[in-house]
């Protein structure tokens, strides 16, 4: 099943990343994109943006990756993680 956005709010923790909620039907699922993933993505974008701004700019992609990781059952500690390798893989 695909995850859908639970609500618009997210919580940014300066040394951890951004926490956001998705839903599997009526079940809320906690997700997190790592601080490092946001930092690396921001640098690669070349934008002088804050990490919360980077999250907002890439939110749809981040949510899609979270959905893929959820489907693959990647949920350490019941949190679906989006890591650097997911959001900003090394250039080929």
Protein backbone atom coordinates (compact mmCIF):
# COMPACT_ATOMS: atom_id res chain seq x y z
CA UNK A 1 0.00 0.00 0.00
CA UNK A 2 1.20 3.51 -0.77
CA UNK A 3 1.67 6.01 2.00
CA UNK A 4 -0.12 9.34 1.79
CA UNK A 5 0.63 12.62 3.56
CA UNK A 6 -1.05 12.60 6.97
CA UNK A 7 -0.87 16.38 7.41
CA UNK A 8 1.23 19.37 6.32
CA UNK A 9 3.12 19.88 9.57
CA UNK A 10 6.66 18.66 10.09
CA UNK A 11 9.19 19.10 12.90
CA UNK A 12 12.76 20.02 12.12
CA UNK A 13 15.37 19.07 14.71
CA UNK A 14 18.70 20.86 13.98
CA UNK A 15 20.98 17.86 14.55
CA UNK A 16 18.58 15.09 13.53
CA UNK A 17 16.60 16.14 10.46
CA UNK A 18 12.90 16.52 9.75
CA UNK A 19 10.15 14.36 11.20
CA UNK A 20 6.88 14.11 9.30
CA UNK A 21 3.78 11.90 9.31
CA UNK A 22 2.46 9.75 6.50
CA UNK A 23 -0.48 7.34 6.64
CA UNK A 24 -1.08 3.75 5.60
CA UNK A 25 -4.84 3.94 5.29
CA UNK A 26 -5.95 5.12 8.71
CA UNK A 27 -2.67 4.18 10.43
CA UNK A 28 -0.27 7.11 11.01
CA UNK A 29 3.38 6.33 10.20
CA UNK A 30 6.25 8.42 11.59
CA UNK A 31 8.93 9.23 9.03
CA UNK A 32 12.24 11.05 9.19
CA UNK A 33 14.65 12.46 6.64
CA UNK A 34 18.13 12.70 8.12
CA UNK A 35 19.96 15.95 8.74
CA UNK A 36 22.82 14.72 6.56
CA UNK A 37 20.49 13.90 3.66
CA UNK A 38 19.00 17.41 3.78
CA UNK A 39 22.45 19.01 4.08
CA UNK A 40 23.91 17.07 1.15
CA UNK A 41 20.81 17.70 -0.99
CA UNK A 42 20.98 21.44 -0.22
CA UNK A 43 24.65 21.63 -1.19
CA UNK A 44 24.02 19.73 -4.43
CA UNK A 45 21.12 22.03 -5.27
CA UNK A 46 23.51 24.97 -4.97
CA UNK A 47 20.80 26.92 -3.21
CA UNK A 48 21.56 29.09 -0.24
CA UNK A 49 18.59 27.64 1.63
CA UNK A 50 17.95 26.46 5.14
CA UNK A 51 17.50 22.74 5.70
CA UNK A 52 13.77 23.19 6.48
CA UNK A 53 13.49 25.01 3.13
CA UNK A 54 15.27 22.09 1.46
CA UNK A 55 12.73 19.74 3.05
CA UNK A 56 9.84 21.83 1.74
CA UNK A 57 11.36 22.02 -1.76
CA UNK A 58 11.90 18.24 -1.95
CA UNK A 59 8.97 17.12 0.19
CA UNK A 60 7.11 15.22 -2.53
CA UNK A 61 10.26 13.28 -3.45
CA UNK A 62 11.09 12.64 0.22
CA UNK A 63 7.56 11.32 0.79
CA UNK A 64 7.81 9.08 -2.28
CA UNK A 65 11.10 7.66 -1.00
CA UNK A 66 9.56 7.11 2.45
CA UNK A 67 6.73 5.22 0.78
CA UNK A 68 9.18 3.03 -1.11
CA UNK A 69 11.17 2.32 2.06
CA UNK A 70 7.95 1.53 3.92
CA UNK A 71 6.95 -0.95 1.22
CA UNK A 72 10.38 -2.58 1.54
CA UNK A 73 9.77 -2.85 5.30
CA UNK A 74 12.70 -0.58 6.16
CA UNK A 75 11.46 0.67 9.53
CA UNK A 76 14.12 0.61 12.24
CA UNK A 77 12.48 1.52 15.55
CA UNK A 78 9.16 1.85 13.69
CA UNK A 79 10.34 5.03 11.94
CA UNK A 80 10.59 5.11 8.17
CA UNK A 81 13.96 6.69 7.39
CA UNK A 82 15.05 8.64 4.32
CA UNK A 83 18.84 8.71 4.24
CA UNK A 84 21.48 10.43 2.11
CA UNK A 85 21.79 7.40 -0.17
CA UNK A 86 18.07 7.76 -0.91
CA UNK A 87 17.75 11.54 -1.35
CA UNK A 88 21.19 12.43 -2.67
CA UNK A 89 22.91 9.31 -4.00
CA UNK A 90 26.51 9.74 -5.17
CA UNK A 91 26.80 11.00 -8.75
CA UNK A 92 27.69 8.32 -11.26
